Amino acid sequence: MIATLAVLEPLFAVVFLFASVLAMPTFRVKSLLRLYACSSIALALLIFSFAVRDASGHLYPLALGTLFVKGLVIPALLTNAIRRSGASERLQSSLRAAPSLFVTVAALLVTALLIQHLPFAASAASAHVLYLSIAVAFAGILMMVLRRDVFSQMVGFLFIENGIAAFSLATIVVIPVAIEVGIFSIVLLAVSMMALLSHKVQELYGTSDTASLRELTD
């Protein structure tokens, strides 16, 4: 089993990264949530492979929680929130699909160059997971900056959180169970609050485009 996971681990890593990259030129709600779910499932499988490889029993609950909460519950919550709000399936962005993808890939290449000079890169438990974590978090930041609708910015925040989780896996490795439970609780609470906020914005202004919020006055 260890040998099989060692072969599959690069595949999990590629899916984890590519899902966040492909999310940038995606302007359909359901497709964007599927990519986030794929990224989260790939992260759960990466955590599971680390647990088996290093015989780290404390990582099994983290892998299961990531799979359940991020791969299933959060996409379902957001899908339900979007359906209830009546928002358009088409998402808003400051850039078209091709320029969005180009900017993302360029940013990831710059990240690959900069990460080599990080002081803790050499001591990381997994150098490639360390790079992936920073790349995915940066892709999430780009999504929050370049997208103009509330839902895309929510998913961008969730990609950032996935990147932070992978960063912890590559650097800290040992994560207490209490902290794991706290992280999942905070993420669920944050998603619930953002879903409620997006519903109110759609209800009050008839759009999820954040550009319209700039015109608000007291």
N, C-alpha and C. Protein backbone atom coordinates (compact mmCIF):
# COMPACT_ATOMS: atom_id res chain seq x y z
N MET A 1 0.83 -1.21 0.00
CA MET A 1 0.00 0.00 0.00
C MET A 1 0.86 1.26 0.00
N ILE A 2 1.96 1.22 0.76
CA ILE A 2 2.86 2.37 0.83
C ILE A 2 3.46 2.65 -0.55
N ALA A 3 3.83 1.57 -1.25
CA ALA A 3 4.41 1.73 -2.59
C ALA A 3 3.38 2.33 -3.55
N THR A 4 2.14 1.87 -3.44
CA THR A 4 1.08 2.39 -4.31
C THR A 4 0.85 3.88 -4.06
N LEU A 5 0.79 4.27 -2.79
CA LEU A 5 0.59 5.67 -2.45
C LEU A 5 1.77 6.53 -2.90
N ALA A 6 2.97 5.97 -2.83
CA ALA A 6 4.15 6.71 -3.27
C ALA A 6 4.06 7.03 -4.76
N VAL A 7 3.46 6.11 -5.53
CA VAL A 7 3.28 6.34 -6.96
C VAL A 7 2.16 7.35 -7.21
N LEU A 8 1.10 7.26 -6.41
CA LEU A 8 -0.07 8.12 -6.62
C LEU A 8 0.07 9.51 -6.02
N GLU A 9 0.99 9.68 -5.07
CA GLU A 9 1.12 10.98 -4.40
C GLU A 9 1.38 12.14 -5.37
N PRO A 10 2.26 11.98 -6.38
CA PRO A 10 2.42 13.08 -7.35
C PRO A 10 1.13 13.41 -8.09
N LEU A 11 0.29 12.38 -8.36
CA LEU A 11 -0.99 12.62 -9.02
C LEU A 11 -1.90 13.45 -8.13
N PHE A 12 -1.95 13.12 -6.83
CA PHE A 12 -2.76 13.91 -5.89
C PHE A 12 -2.29 15.37 -5.88
N ALA A 13 -0.96 15.53 -5.89
CA ALA A 13 -0.39 16.88 -5.85
C ALA A 13 -0.75 17.67 -7.10
N VAL A 14 -0.69 17.01 -8.26
CA VAL A 14 -1.01 17.68 -9.53
C VAL A 14 -2.48 18.11 -9.55
N VAL A 15 -3.37 17.23 -9.11
CA VAL A 15 -4.80 17.56 -9.08
C VAL A 15 -5.05 18.72 -8.12
N PHE A 16 -4.38 18.69 -6.96
CA PHE A 16 -4.52 19.75 -5.96
C PHE A 16 -4.16 21.11 -6.55
N LEU A 17 -3.07 21.16 -7.32
CA LEU A 17 -2.64 22.42 -7.92
C LEU A 17 -3.47 22.80 -9.13
N PHE A 18 -3.68 21.86 -10.05
CA PHE A 18 -4.36 22.18 -11.29
C PHE A 18 -5.81 22.60 -11.07
N ALA A 19 -6.45 22.06 -10.05
CA ALA A 19 -7.83 22.46 -9.77
C ALA A 19 -7.91 23.94 -9.43
N SER A 20 -6.92 24.43 -8.68
CA SER A 20 -6.91 25.86 -8.34
C SER A 20 -6.56 26.72 -9.55
N VAL A 21 -5.69 26.22 -10.42
CA VAL A 21 -5.32 26.97 -11.63
C VAL A 21 -6.50 27.03 -12.60
N LEU A 22 -7.18 25.91 -12.79
CA LEU A 22 -8.32 25.87 -13.72
C LEU A 22 -9.51 26.65 -13.19
N ALA A 23 -9.53 26.91 -11.89
CA ALA A 23 -10.64 27.68 -11.32
C ALA A 23 -10.63 29.12 -11.81
N MET A 24 -9.46 29.65 -12.13
CA MET A 24 -9.36 31.06 -12.53
C MET A 24 -10.13 31.36 -13.83
N PRO A 25 -10.00 30.54 -14.89
CA PRO A 25 -10.76 30.85 -16.11
C PRO A 25 -12.16 30.24 -16.12
N THR A 26 -12.64 29.77 -14.97
CA THR A 26 -13.96 29.15 -14.88
C THR A 26 -14.98 30.17 -14.40
N PHE A 27 -16.03 30.38 -15.16
CA PHE A 27 -17.02 31.40 -14.83
C PHE A 27 -18.41 30.83 -14.60
N ARG A 28 -18.51 29.53 -14.34
CA ARG A 28 -19.77 28.91 -13.99
C ARG A 28 -19.70 28.43 -12.55
N VAL A 29 -20.77 28.71 -11.79
CA VAL A 29 -20.77 28.41 -10.35
C VAL A 29 -20.53 26.93 -10.09
N LYS A 30 -21.30 26.07 -10.74
CA LYS A 30 -21.19 24.63 -10.47
C LYS A 30 -19.80 24.10 -10.83
N SER A 31 -19.25 24.56 -11.94
CA SER A 31 -17.92 24.11 -12.34
C SER A 31 -16.87 24.57 -11.34
N LEU A 32 -17.01 25.79 -10.84
CA LEU A 32 -16.05 26.32 -9.87
C LEU A 32 -16.11 25.53 -8.57
N LEU A 33 -17.30 25.18 -8.12
CA LEU A 33 -17.43 24.40 -6.89
C LEU A 33 -16.91 22.98 -7.07
N ARG A 34 -17.08 22.43 -8.26
CA ARG A 34 -16.52 21.09 -8.53
C ARG A 34 -14.99 21.12 -8.46
N LEU A 35 -14.40 22.18 -8.99
CA LEU A 35 -12.94 22.29 -8.94
C LEU A 35 -12.46 22.44 -7.50
N TYR A 36 -13.18 23.21 -6.69
CA TYR A 36 -12.81 23.33 -5.28
C TYR A 36 -12.93 21.98 -4.59
N ALA A 37 -14.01 21.24 -4.88
CA ALA A 37 -14.18 19.92 -4.27
C ALA A 37 -13.05 18.98 -4.69
N CYS A 38 -12.66 19.02 -5.97
CA CYS A 38 -11.55 18.18 -6.45
C CYS A 38 -10.26 18.54 -5.74
N SER A 39 -10.01 19.84 -5.57
CA SER A 39 -8.81 20.28 -4.87
C SER A 39 -8.80 19.79 -3.43
N SER A 40 -9.95 19.86 -2.77
CA SER A 40 -10.05 19.44 -1.38
C SER A 40 -9.89 17.93 -1.24
N ILE A 41 -10.48 17.17 -2.16
CA ILE A 41 -10.34 15.71 -2.12
C ILE A 41 -8.89 15.31 -2.36
N ALA A 42 -8.23 16.01 -3.31
CA ALA A 42 -6.81 15.73 -3.56
C ALA A 42 -5.97 16.05 -2.33
N LEU A 43 -6.32 17.14 -1.62
CA LEU A 43 -5.61 17.48 -0.38
C LEU A 43 -5.82 16.40 0.66
N ALA A 44 -7.04 15.90 0.79
CA ALA A 44 -7.33 14.83 1.74
C ALA A 44 -6.51 13.57 1.42
N LEU A 45 -6.39 13.25 0.14
CA LEU A 45 -5.60 12.08 -0.27
C LEU A 45 -4.11 12.30 -0.01
N LEU A 46 -3.65 13.54 -0.18
CA LEU A 46 -2.25 13.85 0.14
C LEU A 46 -1.98 13.65 1.63
N ILE A 47 -2.91 14.14 2.45
CA ILE A 47 -2.76 13.98 3.90
C ILE A 47 -2.76 12.49 4.27
N PHE A 48 -3.65 11.73 3.62
CA PHE A 48 -3.73 10.28 3.88
C PHE A 48 -2.43 9.58 3.49
N SER A 49 -1.86 9.98 2.34
CA SER A 49 -0.59 9.36 1.92
C SER A 49 0.54 9.69 2.88
N PHE A 50 0.55 10.91 3.42
CA PHE A 50 1.54 11.29 4.44
C PHE A 50 1.35 10.44 5.69
N ALA A 51 0.10 10.23 6.07
CA ALA A 51 -0.19 9.45 7.28
C ALA A 51 0.31 8.02 7.15
N VAL A 52 0.09 7.41 5.99
CA VAL A 52 0.52 6.04 5.76
C VAL A 52 2.04 5.96 5.66
N ARG A 53 2.63 6.88 4.90
CA ARG A 53 4.08 6.86 4.66
C ARG A 53 4.87 7.06 5.95
N ASP A 54 4.42 8.02 6.78
CA ASP A 54 5.16 8.36 7.99
C ASP A 54 4.61 7.70 9.25
N ALA A 55 3.61 6.82 9.06
CA ALA A 55 2.96 6.16 10.20
C ALA A 55 2.50 7.19 11.23
N SER A 56 1.87 8.25 10.74
CA SER A 56 1.39 9.34 11.60
C SER A 56 -0.12 9.18 11.80
N GLY A 57 -0.49 8.53 12.90
CA GLY A 57 -1.89 8.24 13.16
C GLY A 57 -2.75 9.47 13.32
N HIS A 58 -2.16 10.58 13.79
CA HIS A 58 -2.95 11.79 14.02
C HIS A 58 -3.42 12.44 12.72
N LEU A 59 -2.82 12.04 11.58
CA LEU A 59 -3.22 12.63 10.29
C LEU A 59 -4.46 11.98 9.69
N TYR A 60 -4.81 10.79 10.15
CA TYR A 60 -6.00 10.13 9.61
C TYR A 60 -7.28 10.93 9.86
N PRO A 61 -7.52 11.41 11.10
CA PRO A 61 -8.72 12.25 11.30
C PRO A 61 -8.70 13.52 10.46
N LEU A 62 -7.51 14.08 10.27
CA LEU A 62 -7.40 15.29 9.44
C LEU A 62 -7.77 15.00 7.99
N ALA A 63 -7.31 13.86 7.48
CA ALA A 63 -7.64 13.47 6.11
C ALA A 63 -9.14 13.24 5.96
N LEU A 64 -9.73 12.53 6.94
CA LEU A 64 -11.16 12.25 6.89
C LEU A 64 -11.98 13.54 7.01
N GLY A 65 -11.56 14.42 7.92
CA GLY A 65 -12.26 15.69 8.09
C GLY A 65 -12.18 16.56 6.86
N THR A 66 -11.02 16.60 6.22
CA THR A 66 -10.84 17.37 4.99
C THR A 66 -11.73 16.85 3.89
N LEU A 67 -11.78 15.52 3.76
CA LEU A 67 -12.62 14.90 2.72
C LEU A 67 -14.09 15.21 2.95
N PHE A 68 -14.54 15.08 4.19
CA PHE A 68 -15.96 15.25 4.50
C PHE A 68 -16.37 16.73 4.48
N VAL A 69 -15.62 17.57 5.22
CA VAL A 69 -16.01 18.97 5.38
C VAL A 69 -15.77 19.77 4.10
N LYS A 70 -14.53 19.68 3.56
CA LYS A 70 -14.19 20.50 2.41
C LYS A 70 -14.60 19.89 1.08
N GLY A 71 -14.56 18.56 1.01
CA GLY A 71 -14.90 17.91 -0.26
C GLY A 71 -16.38 17.72 -0.48
N LEU A 72 -17.17 17.66 0.62
CA LEU A 72 -18.59 17.37 0.49
C LEU A 72 -19.49 18.45 1.09
N VAL A 73 -19.27 18.77 2.37
CA VAL A 73 -20.20 19.66 3.08
C VAL A 73 -20.17 21.08 2.54
N ILE A 74 -18.97 21.66 2.43
CA ILE A 74 -18.86 23.06 1.99
C ILE A 74 -19.39 23.26 0.57
N PRO A 75 -19.02 22.42 -0.43
CA PRO A 75 -19.63 22.60 -1.76
C PRO A 75 -21.15 22.48 -1.73
N ALA A 76 -21.67 21.57 -0.89
CA ALA A 76 -23.13 21.44 -0.79
C ALA A 76 -23.75 22.68 -0.18
N LEU A 77 -23.13 23.25 0.86
CA LEU A 77 -23.64 24.46 1.48
C LEU A 77 -23.66 25.63 0.49
N LEU A 78 -22.58 25.78 -0.25
CA LEU A 78 -22.50 26.89 -1.20
C LEU A 78 -23.47 26.70 -2.36
N THR A 79 -23.63 25.47 -2.82
CA THR A 79 -24.60 25.20 -3.89
C THR A 79 -26.00 25.56 -3.45
N ASN A 80 -26.33 25.18 -2.21
CA ASN A 80 -27.65 25.49 -1.67
C ASN A 80 -27.83 27.01 -1.51
N ALA A 81 -26.77 27.70 -1.05
CA ALA A 81 -26.85 29.15 -0.86
C ALA A 81 -27.06 29.86 -2.20
N ILE A 82 -26.37 29.41 -3.23
CA ILE A 82 -26.50 30.02 -4.56
C ILE A 82 -27.89 29.78 -5.13
N ARG A 83 -28.40 28.57 -4.93
CA ARG A 83 -29.74 28.27 -5.43
C ARG A 83 -30.80 29.11 -4.72
N ARG A 84 -30.64 29.28 -3.42
CA ARG A 84 -31.62 30.06 -2.64
C ARG A 84 -31.56 31.55 -2.99
N SER A 85 -30.37 32.03 -3.30
CA SER A 85 -30.23 33.46 -3.58
C SER A 85 -30.76 33.85 -4.95
N GLY A 86 -30.85 32.87 -5.84
CA GLY A 86 -31.30 33.16 -7.19
C GLY A 86 -30.27 33.89 -8.03
N ALA A 87 -29.02 33.80 -7.64
CA ALA A 87 -27.95 34.49 -8.36
C ALA A 87 -27.70 33.84 -9.72
N SER A 88 -27.11 34.61 -10.61
CA SER A 88 -26.81 34.12 -11.95
C SER A 88 -25.74 33.04 -11.89
N GLU A 89 -25.86 32.06 -12.79
CA GLU A 89 -24.85 31.00 -12.89
C GLU A 89 -23.54 31.55 -13.44
N ARG A 90 -23.62 32.66 -14.13
CA ARG A 90 -22.43 33.27 -14.75
C ARG A 90 -21.75 34.17 -13.73
N LEU A 91 -20.47 33.95 -13.50
CA LEU A 91 -19.70 34.71 -12.53
C LEU A 91 -19.00 35.89 -13.21
N GLN A 92 -18.67 36.89 -12.41
CA GLN A 92 -18.08 38.12 -12.93
C GLN A 92 -16.57 38.16 -12.65
N SER A 93 -15.84 38.72 -13.60
CA SER A 93 -14.39 38.83 -13.45
C SER A 93 -13.89 40.09 -14.14
N SER A 94 -12.78 40.61 -13.62
CA SER A 94 -12.16 41.79 -14.25
C SER A 94 -11.41 41.42 -15.52
N LEU A 95 -11.08 40.12 -15.68
CA LEU A 95 -10.36 39.65 -16.86
C LEU A 95 -11.13 38.51 -17.51
N ARG A 96 -10.91 38.33 -18.81
CA ARG A 96 -11.49 37.19 -19.50
C ARG A 96 -10.74 35.91 -19.15
N ALA A 97 -11.23 34.79 -19.68
CA ALA A 97 -10.68 33.48 -19.30
C ALA A 97 -9.19 33.35 -19.62
N ALA A 98 -8.80 33.66 -20.87
CA ALA A 98 -7.41 33.49 -21.28
C ALA A 98 -6.44 34.38 -20.48
N PRO A 99 -6.71 35.69 -20.34
CA PRO A 99 -5.81 36.52 -19.52
C PRO A 99 -5.76 36.07 -18.06
N SER A 100 -6.89 35.59 -17.53
CA SER A 100 -6.91 35.11 -16.14
C SER A 100 -5.98 33.92 -15.98
N LEU A 101 -6.04 33.00 -16.93
CA LEU A 101 -5.18 31.82 -16.88
C LEU A 101 -3.72 32.21 -17.04
N PHE A 102 -3.44 33.15 -17.94
CA PHE A 102 -2.06 33.60 -18.17
C PHE A 102 -1.48 34.24 -16.91
N VAL A 103 -2.25 35.10 -16.27
CA VAL A 103 -1.78 35.77 -15.04
C VAL A 103 -1.52 34.74 -13.95
N THR A 104 -2.39 33.75 -13.83
CA THR A 104 -2.22 32.72 -12.80
C THR A 104 -0.96 31.90 -13.04
N VAL A 105 -0.76 31.45 -14.26
CA VAL A 105 0.43 30.64 -14.57
C VAL A 105 1.70 31.45 -14.36
N ALA A 106 1.69 32.72 -14.78
CA ALA A 106 2.86 33.59 -14.58
C ALA A 106 3.15 33.75 -13.08
N ALA A 107 2.11 33.93 -12.29
CA ALA A 107 2.29 34.08 -10.85
C ALA A 107 2.85 32.82 -10.22
N LEU A 108 2.43 31.65 -10.71
CA LEU A 108 2.94 30.39 -10.17
C LEU A 108 4.41 30.18 -10.53
N LEU A 109 4.80 30.62 -11.73
CA LEU A 109 6.21 30.52 -12.12
C LEU A 109 7.08 31.41 -11.24
N VAL A 110 6.59 32.61 -10.96
CA VAL A 110 7.32 33.52 -10.06
C VAL A 110 7.42 32.91 -8.67
N THR A 111 6.33 32.28 -8.22
CA THR A 111 6.33 31.63 -6.91
C THR A 111 7.37 30.52 -6.86
N ALA A 112 7.47 29.74 -7.95
CA ALA A 112 8.45 28.65 -8.00
C ALA A 112 9.88 29.18 -7.87
N LEU A 113 10.12 30.35 -8.43
CA LEU A 113 11.46 30.93 -8.34
C LEU A 113 11.73 31.49 -6.95
N LEU A 114 10.73 32.13 -6.36
CA LEU A 114 10.93 32.77 -5.05
C LEU A 114 11.03 31.76 -3.92
N ILE A 115 10.31 30.65 -4.04
CA ILE A 115 10.28 29.70 -2.93
C ILE A 115 11.64 29.07 -2.67
N GLN A 116 12.48 29.05 -3.69
CA GLN A 116 13.82 28.47 -3.52
C GLN A 116 14.67 29.27 -2.53
N HIS A 117 14.30 30.52 -2.30
CA HIS A 117 15.07 31.38 -1.41
C HIS A 117 14.45 31.50 -0.02
N LEU A 118 13.36 30.77 0.22
CA LEU A 118 12.76 30.81 1.55
C LEU A 118 13.66 30.10 2.55
N PRO A 119 13.84 30.64 3.75
CA PRO A 119 14.76 30.05 4.72
C PRO A 119 14.35 28.67 5.22
N PHE A 120 13.02 28.38 5.22
CA PHE A 120 12.56 27.10 5.75
C PHE A 120 12.28 26.08 4.66
N ALA A 121 12.56 26.42 3.39
CA ALA A 121 12.27 25.49 2.30
C ALA A 121 13.10 24.22 2.41
N ALA A 122 14.36 24.35 2.80
CA ALA A 122 15.23 23.19 2.87
C ALA A 122 14.84 22.23 3.97
N SER A 123 14.23 22.75 5.05
CA SER A 123 13.88 21.91 6.19
C SER A 123 12.45 21.39 6.14
N ALA A 124 11.73 21.68 5.07
CA ALA A 124 10.34 21.25 4.96
C ALA A 124 10.27 19.74 4.80
N ALA A 125 9.19 19.14 5.33
CA ALA A 125 9.02 17.69 5.24
C ALA A 125 8.83 17.26 3.79
N SER A 126 8.24 18.10 2.98
CA SER A 126 8.02 17.80 1.56
C SER A 126 8.14 19.09 0.76
N ALA A 127 9.20 19.19 -0.03
CA ALA A 127 9.46 20.43 -0.77
C ALA A 127 8.37 20.69 -1.81
N HIS A 128 7.90 19.65 -2.49
CA HIS A 128 6.91 19.88 -3.53
C HIS A 128 5.56 20.27 -2.94
N VAL A 129 5.21 19.72 -1.78
CA VAL A 129 3.96 20.11 -1.13
C VAL A 129 4.07 21.54 -0.61
N LEU A 130 5.25 21.93 -0.17
CA LEU A 130 5.46 23.31 0.27
C LEU A 130 5.21 24.28 -0.89
N TYR A 131 5.74 23.96 -2.06
CA TYR A 131 5.51 24.81 -3.23
C TYR A 131 4.03 24.84 -3.59
N LEU A 132 3.41 23.66 -3.61
CA LEU A 132 2.00 23.58 -3.97
C LEU A 132 1.14 24.40 -3.02
N SER A 133 1.47 24.35 -1.74
CA SER A 133 0.66 25.08 -0.76
C SER A 133 0.70 26.58 -1.02
N ILE A 134 1.89 27.11 -1.27
CA ILE A 134 2.03 28.54 -1.53
C ILE A 134 1.39 28.91 -2.86
N ALA A 135 1.54 28.03 -3.86
CA ALA A 135 0.95 28.29 -5.18
C ALA A 135 -0.57 28.32 -5.11
N VAL A 136 -1.16 27.37 -4.40
CA VAL A 136 -2.63 27.31 -4.29
C VAL A 136 -3.14 28.52 -3.51
N ALA A 137 -2.46 28.87 -2.42
CA ALA A 137 -2.87 30.05 -1.65
C ALA A 137 -2.78 31.31 -2.50
N PHE A 138 -1.74 31.42 -3.30
CA PHE A 138 -1.56 32.60 -4.16
C PHE A 138 -2.64 32.63 -5.24
N ALA A 139 -3.00 31.46 -5.77
CA ALA A 139 -4.08 31.39 -6.76
C ALA A 139 -5.40 31.85 -6.14
N GLY A 140 -5.62 31.49 -4.88
CA GLY A 140 -6.82 31.94 -4.18
C GLY A 140 -6.84 33.44 -4.00
N ILE A 141 -5.67 34.02 -3.69
CA ILE A 141 -5.58 35.48 -3.55
C ILE A 141 -5.89 36.17 -4.87
N LEU A 142 -5.35 35.62 -5.97
CA LEU A 142 -5.62 36.19 -7.29
C LEU A 142 -7.11 36.14 -7.61
N MET A 143 -7.75 35.03 -7.24
CA MET A 143 -9.18 34.92 -7.50
C MET A 143 -9.96 35.98 -6.73
N MET A 144 -9.59 36.23 -5.50
CA MET A 144 -10.28 37.24 -4.69
C MET A 144 -10.05 38.64 -5.26
N VAL A 145 -8.89 38.86 -5.87
CA VAL A 145 -8.57 40.18 -6.41
C VAL A 145 -9.21 40.40 -7.78
N LEU A 146 -9.14 39.39 -8.64
CA LEU A 146 -9.58 39.56 -10.03
C LEU A 146 -11.07 39.34 -10.24
N ARG A 147 -11.69 38.55 -9.39
CA ARG A 147 -13.12 38.30 -9.55
C ARG A 147 -13.94 39.40 -8.90
N ARG A 148 -15.13 39.67 -9.46
CA ARG A 148 -15.96 40.75 -8.97
C ARG A 148 -17.22 40.28 -8.27
N ASP A 149 -17.48 38.97 -8.26
CA ASP A 149 -18.69 38.48 -7.62
C ASP A 149 -18.38 37.87 -6.26
N VAL A 150 -19.37 37.90 -5.40
CA VAL A 150 -19.20 37.44 -4.02
C VAL A 150 -18.84 35.96 -3.97
N PHE A 151 -19.47 35.14 -4.80
CA PHE A 151 -19.27 33.70 -4.73
C PHE A 151 -17.84 33.30 -5.12
N SER A 152 -17.31 33.91 -6.16
CA SER A 152 -15.92 33.60 -6.55
C SER A 152 -14.95 34.01 -5.46
N GLN A 153 -15.20 35.14 -4.82
CA GLN A 153 -14.33 35.58 -3.74
C GLN A 153 -14.41 34.64 -2.54
N MET A 154 -15.58 34.08 -2.29
CA MET A 154 -15.72 33.07 -1.25
C MET A 154 -14.86 31.84 -1.56
N VAL A 155 -14.96 31.37 -2.80
CA VAL A 155 -14.18 30.19 -3.20
C VAL A 155 -12.69 30.52 -3.19
N GLY A 156 -12.33 31.74 -3.56
CA GLY A 156 -10.93 32.15 -3.48
C GLY A 156 -10.41 32.06 -2.06
N PHE A 157 -11.22 32.51 -1.10
CA PHE A 157 -10.86 32.39 0.31
C PHE A 157 -10.66 30.92 0.70
N LEU A 158 -11.51 30.05 0.19
CA LEU A 158 -11.42 28.62 0.53
C LEU A 158 -10.17 27.99 -0.09
N PHE A 159 -9.78 28.44 -1.28
CA PHE A 159 -8.53 27.95 -1.87
C PHE A 159 -7.33 28.41 -1.04
N ILE A 160 -7.39 29.64 -0.53
CA ILE A 160 -6.32 30.11 0.35
C ILE A 160 -6.22 29.22 1.58
N GLU A 161 -7.37 28.87 2.15
CA GLU A 161 -7.37 28.02 3.34
C GLU A 161 -6.81 26.64 3.03
N ASN A 162 -7.12 26.11 1.84
CA ASN A 162 -6.54 24.82 1.42
C ASN A 162 -5.01 24.94 1.33
N GLY A 163 -4.54 26.06 0.79
CA GLY A 163 -3.10 26.27 0.70
C GLY A 163 -2.44 26.33 2.06
N ILE A 164 -3.11 26.99 3.01
CA ILE A 164 -2.57 27.08 4.37
C ILE A 164 -2.52 25.70 5.02
N ALA A 165 -3.57 24.89 4.77
CA ALA A 165 -3.60 23.53 5.32
C ALA A 165 -2.45 22.69 4.76
N ALA A 166 -2.21 22.81 3.45
CA ALA A 166 -1.10 22.06 2.85
C ALA A 166 0.25 22.57 3.35
N PHE A 167 0.34 23.89 3.59
CA PHE A 167 1.58 24.47 4.13
C PHE A 167 1.87 23.89 5.52
N SER A 168 0.83 23.76 6.33
CA SER A 168 1.00 23.17 7.67
C SER A 168 1.45 21.72 7.55
N LEU A 169 0.90 21.01 6.58
CA LEU A 169 1.27 19.61 6.37
C LEU A 169 2.74 19.49 6.01
N ALA A 170 3.24 20.42 5.18
CA ALA A 170 4.63 20.35 4.71
C ALA A 170 5.63 20.85 5.74
N THR A 171 5.21 21.68 6.68
CA THR A 171 6.16 22.29 7.61
C THR A 171 5.98 21.82 9.06
N ILE A 172 4.74 21.90 9.54
CA ILE A 172 4.50 21.54 10.95
C ILE A 172 4.40 20.03 11.12
N VAL A 173 3.68 19.36 10.19
CA VAL A 173 3.45 17.92 10.18
C VAL A 173 2.56 17.48 11.34
N VAL A 174 3.00 17.69 12.58
CA VAL A 174 2.24 17.26 13.75
C VAL A 174 1.26 18.37 14.12
N ILE A 175 -0.04 18.10 13.93
CA ILE A 175 -1.09 19.06 14.23
C ILE A 175 -2.01 18.46 15.29
N PRO A 176 -2.12 19.04 16.48
CA PRO A 176 -3.00 18.49 17.52
C PRO A 176 -4.44 18.38 17.05
N VAL A 177 -5.13 17.35 17.56
CA VAL A 177 -6.52 17.10 17.15
C VAL A 177 -7.41 18.29 17.48
N ALA A 178 -7.18 18.91 18.65
CA ALA A 178 -8.01 20.06 19.05
C ALA A 178 -7.91 21.20 18.04
N ILE A 179 -6.71 21.41 17.51
CA ILE A 179 -6.52 22.46 16.51
C ILE A 179 -7.21 22.07 15.21
N GLU A 180 -7.15 20.80 14.84
CA GLU A 180 -7.82 20.34 13.62
C GLU A 180 -9.32 20.59 13.71
N VAL A 181 -9.92 20.23 14.85
CA VAL A 181 -11.35 20.43 15.05
C VAL A 181 -11.68 21.92 15.00
N GLY A 182 -10.83 22.73 15.63
CA GLY A 182 -11.05 24.18 15.62
C GLY A 182 -10.99 24.75 14.22
N ILE A 183 -10.05 24.28 13.40
CA ILE A 183 -9.91 24.77 12.03
C ILE A 183 -11.16 24.46 11.21
N PHE A 184 -11.63 23.20 11.30
CA PHE A 184 -12.82 22.83 10.54
C PHE A 184 -14.04 23.62 11.01
N SER A 185 -14.14 23.85 12.31
CA SER A 185 -15.28 24.61 12.85
C SER A 185 -15.25 26.05 12.34
N ILE A 186 -14.06 26.66 12.35
CA ILE A 186 -13.93 28.04 11.88
C ILE A 186 -14.25 28.15 10.39
N VAL A 187 -13.76 27.19 9.61
CA VAL A 187 -14.03 27.22 8.16
C VAL A 187 -15.52 27.09 7.90
N LEU A 188 -16.18 26.16 8.59
CA LEU A 188 -17.62 25.98 8.40
C LEU A 188 -18.39 27.23 8.81
N LEU A 189 -17.98 27.83 9.94
CA LEU A 189 -18.64 29.06 10.40
C LEU A 189 -18.43 30.19 9.39
N ALA A 190 -17.20 30.32 8.89
CA ALA A 190 -16.90 31.37 7.92
C ALA A 190 -17.72 31.19 6.64
N VAL A 191 -17.82 29.95 6.16
CA VAL A 191 -18.59 29.68 4.93
C VAL A 191 -20.07 29.99 5.15
N SER A 192 -20.60 29.60 6.33
CA SER A 192 -22.01 29.88 6.63
C SER A 192 -22.28 31.38 6.66
N MET A 193 -21.37 32.14 7.28
CA MET A 193 -21.54 33.59 7.35
C MET A 193 -21.42 34.23 5.97
N MET A 194 -20.47 33.76 5.16
CA MET A 194 -20.30 34.32 3.81
C MET A 194 -21.50 33.98 2.93
N ALA A 195 -22.05 32.76 3.10
CA ALA A 195 -23.23 32.38 2.32
C ALA A 195 -24.41 33.27 2.69
N LEU A 196 -24.57 33.55 3.99
CA LEU A 196 -25.65 34.43 4.44
C LEU A 196 -25.45 35.85 3.90
N LEU A 197 -24.20 36.33 3.94
CA LEU A 197 -23.90 37.65 3.42
C LEU A 197 -24.20 37.76 1.93
N SER A 198 -23.78 36.75 1.17
CA SER A 198 -24.03 36.77 -0.28
C SER A 198 -25.52 36.76 -0.58
N HIS A 199 -26.29 36.01 0.22
CA HIS A 199 -27.74 35.96 0.04
C HIS A 199 -28.36 37.34 0.28
N LYS A 200 -27.89 38.03 1.32
CA LYS A 200 -28.41 39.36 1.64
C LYS A 200 -28.04 40.37 0.55
N VAL A 201 -26.81 40.28 0.05
CA VAL A 201 -26.38 41.19 -1.02
C VAL A 201 -27.24 40.98 -2.26
N GLN A 202 -27.46 39.70 -2.63
CA GLN A 202 -28.28 39.40 -3.79
C GLN A 202 -29.72 39.86 -3.58
N GLU A 203 -30.22 39.71 -2.36
CA GLU A 203 -31.59 40.09 -2.04
C GLU A 203 -31.78 41.60 -2.08
N LEU A 204 -30.81 42.35 -1.58
CA LEU A 204 -30.94 43.81 -1.49
C LEU A 204 -30.64 44.51 -2.81
N TYR A 205 -29.64 44.02 -3.56
CA TYR A 205 -29.17 44.75 -4.74
C TYR A 205 -29.41 44.01 -6.06
N GLY A 206 -29.92 42.77 -5.96
CA GLY A 206 -30.26 42.03 -7.17
C GLY A 206 -29.07 41.59 -7.98
N THR A 207 -27.89 41.60 -7.40
CA THR A 207 -26.68 41.16 -8.10
C THR A 207 -25.65 40.72 -7.08
N SER A 208 -24.75 39.85 -7.53
CA SER A 208 -23.64 39.43 -6.67
C SER A 208 -22.34 40.12 -7.07
N ASP A 209 -22.44 41.06 -8.00
CA ASP A 209 -21.27 41.79 -8.48
C ASP A 209 -20.84 42.80 -7.41
N THR A 210 -19.64 42.64 -6.89
CA THR A 210 -19.16 43.53 -5.83
C THR A 210 -18.89 44.94 -6.33
N ALA A 211 -18.79 45.13 -7.66
CA ALA A 211 -18.57 46.47 -8.19
C ALA A 211 -19.73 47.40 -7.84
N SER A 212 -20.93 46.83 -7.75
CA SER A 212 -22.09 47.64 -7.41
C SER A 212 -22.06 48.14 -5.98
N LEU A 213 -21.30 47.47 -5.12
CA LEU A 213 -21.23 47.86 -3.72
C LEU A 213 -20.38 49.11 -3.52
N ARG A 214 -19.57 49.47 -4.51
CA ARG A 214 -18.75 50.67 -4.38
C ARG A 214 -19.58 51.94 -4.38
N GLU A 215 -20.80 51.85 -4.90
CA GLU A 215 -21.65 53.03 -4.99
C GLU A 215 -22.50 53.25 -3.74
N LEU A 216 -22.32 52.37 -2.73
CA LEU A 216 -23.15 52.50 -1.53
C LEU A 216 -22.75 53.76 -0.75
N THR A 217 -23.74 54.42 -0.20
CA THR A 217 -23.50 55.59 0.64
C THR A 217 -24.26 55.43 1.94
N ASP A 218 -23.92 56.27 2.92
CA ASP A 218 -24.60 56.20 4.23
C ASP A 218 -26.08 56.60 4.08
